[in-house]
C-alpha cells in the first residue's frame, strides 16, 4: 500500500495528451492537480509529476522537488485509492509545481493532502 510502483506512473503519450486537453484542475497555493477519469482498469490511480524548467532552472532542485512530491503521494495515496475502489473509478492525474521557491517537505505534503481531499469532494 505504501509503495509507488512503475505501473502507477502515467507515461503513455496519448493518455498524457488527453489528460492535459480534457482534464479538470484544482490548485492549492503552489501545486496544481490536473485529473481525468480513465478507461484503463489496471491501476486506480496513475500519476505524473511535473516541475517546469521555466520555474526551477537547476536540475538538482527540480529532482529534489519531484522526490518531495513523490514521497507525499506515496504516503497519502491510500485516501484516494480507498475512495476509488469503493466507487470503481480509475483516474489519471498530474501534479504540477508552480513556484520558483523550494518549500519544506511537510508543507508540500500538507498541500497534496488538501488537494486529494478536494478531489474526493469534487467527485
Protein backbone atom coordinates (compact mmCIF):
# COMPACT_ATOMS: atom_id res chain seq x y z
CA UNK A 1 0.00 0.00 0.00
CA UNK A 2 2.80 2.42 0.81
CA UNK A 3 4.69 1.95 -2.43
CA UNK A 4 4.73 3.83 -5.69
CA UNK A 5 5.34 1.23 -8.37
CA UNK A 6 6.15 1.72 -12.02
CA UNK A 7 2.65 0.62 -13.03
CA UNK A 8 1.26 3.63 -11.11
CA UNK A 9 3.18 6.12 -13.26
CA UNK A 10 1.45 7.87 -16.09
CA UNK A 11 3.77 7.56 -19.07
CA UNK A 12 1.60 6.82 -22.13
CA UNK A 13 1.80 9.80 -24.54
CA UNK A 14 -1.81 9.61 -25.66
CA UNK A 15 -3.05 9.41 -22.06
CA UNK A 16 -0.93 12.43 -21.10
CA UNK A 17 -2.15 14.48 -24.07
CA UNK A 18 -5.73 13.52 -23.32
CA UNK A 19 -5.24 14.46 -19.65
CA UNK A 20 -3.99 17.96 -20.44
CA UNK A 21 -6.53 18.58 -23.23
CA UNK A 22 -9.67 17.30 -21.50
CA UNK A 23 -8.78 17.22 -17.80
CA UNK A 24 -10.01 19.43 -14.99
CA UNK A 25 -7.75 21.05 -12.44
CA UNK A 26 -7.61 22.03 -8.79
CA UNK A 27 -5.00 24.44 -7.39
CA UNK A 28 -3.64 24.80 -3.90
CA UNK A 29 -1.06 27.59 -3.48
CA UNK A 30 1.94 26.35 -5.49
CA UNK A 31 0.71 22.93 -6.65
CA UNK A 32 -1.92 22.23 -9.30
CA UNK A 33 -3.63 18.87 -9.77
CA UNK A 34 -4.93 18.04 -13.25
CA UNK A 35 -7.17 14.96 -13.30
CA UNK A 36 -9.25 12.93 -15.73
CA UNK A 37 -11.19 9.69 -15.37
CA UNK A 38 -9.51 6.84 -17.21
CA UNK A 39 -10.81 3.90 -19.22
CA UNK A 40 -7.97 1.62 -18.12
CA UNK A 41 -8.77 -0.91 -15.42
CA UNK A 42 -5.31 -1.84 -14.18
CA UNK A 43 -4.48 0.80 -11.59
CA UNK A 44 -6.92 3.00 -9.71
CA UNK A 45 -4.52 5.97 -9.75
CA UNK A 46 -1.84 6.78 -12.30
CA UNK A 47 0.11 9.94 -11.64
CA UNK A 48 2.75 12.15 -13.18
CA UNK A 49 4.89 14.83 -11.53
CA UNK A 50 5.80 17.97 -13.46
CA UNK A 51 8.34 20.56 -12.30
CA UNK A 52 8.87 23.05 -15.15
CA UNK A 53 12.38 24.10 -16.07
CA UNK A 54 10.99 27.62 -16.55
CA UNK A 55 10.26 27.90 -12.81
CA UNK A 56 13.12 25.86 -11.32
CA UNK A 57 16.18 26.13 -13.51
CA UNK A 58 18.61 23.89 -11.60
CA UNK A 59 18.16 20.17 -12.23
CA UNK A 60 19.21 19.36 -8.67
CA UNK A 61 16.37 21.47 -7.30
CA UNK A 62 13.83 20.02 -9.76
CA UNK A 63 14.77 16.48 -8.76
CA UNK A 64 14.55 17.38 -5.06
CA UNK A 65 11.05 18.80 -5.54
CA UNK A 66 9.98 15.73 -7.53
CA UNK A 67 11.23 13.48 -4.72
CA UNK A 68 9.28 15.53 -2.17
CA UNK A 69 6.07 15.25 -4.18
CA UNK A 70 6.59 11.56 -4.92
CA UNK A 71 7.10 10.79 -1.23
CA UNK A 72 4.00 12.69 -0.18
CA UNK A 73 1.94 10.88 -2.85
CA UNK A 74 3.31 7.53 -1.68
CA UNK A 75 2.40 8.23 1.95
CA UNK A 76 -1.08 9.65 1.32
CA UNK A 77 -2.46 7.98 -1.80
CA UNK A 78 -4.40 5.41 0.26
CA UNK A 79 -7.09 8.07 0.88
CA UNK A 80 -7.74 8.35 -2.86
CA UNK A 81 -7.38 4.66 -3.64
CA UNK A 82 -9.87 3.63 -0.94
CA UNK A 83 -12.40 6.09 -2.39
CA UNK A 84 -11.71 4.93 -5.97
CA UNK A 85 -12.07 1.24 -5.02
CA UNK A 86 -15.39 1.91 -3.32
CA UNK A 87 -16.75 3.77 -6.37
CA UNK A 88 -14.93 1.80 -9.12
CA UNK A 89 -13.24 4.93 -10.51
CA UNK A 90 -9.94 4.89 -12.38
CA UNK A 91 -8.07 8.18 -12.54
CA UNK A 92 -5.10 9.76 -14.33
CA UNK A 93 -3.58 12.81 -12.69
CA UNK A 94 -0.65 15.17 -12.98
CA UNK A 95 0.78 17.23 -10.13
CA UNK A 96 2.36 20.45 -11.41
CA UNK A 97 4.69 22.50 -9.23
CA UNK A 98 4.10 26.20 -9.95
CA UNK A 99 6.54 28.11 -7.77
CA UNK A 100 10.07 29.37 -8.12
CA UNK A 101 10.79 28.68 -4.42
CA UNK A 102 11.59 25.44 -2.61
CA UNK A 103 9.38 24.56 0.35
CA UNK A 104 9.94 22.12 3.23
CA UNK A 105 8.58 18.61 2.76
CA UNK A 106 5.88 18.94 5.43
CA UNK A 107 4.35 21.95 3.64
CA UNK A 108 4.36 20.12 0.29
CA UNK A 109 2.73 17.12 1.96
CA UNK A 110 0.02 19.27 3.57
CA UNK A 111 -0.85 20.87 0.23
CA UNK A 112 -1.08 17.49 -1.50
CA UNK A 113 -3.35 16.13 1.25
CA UNK A 114 -5.62 19.15 0.79
CA UNK A 115 -5.66 18.57 -2.99
CA UNK A 116 -6.57 14.90 -2.52
CA UNK A 117 -9.43 15.78 -0.17
CA UNK A 118 -10.73 18.42 -2.57
CA UNK A 119 -10.57 15.92 -5.43
CA UNK A 120 -12.66 13.42 -3.44
CA UNK A 121 -15.23 16.10 -2.62
CA UNK A 122 -15.49 17.08 -6.32
CA UNK A 123 -16.13 13.51 -7.40
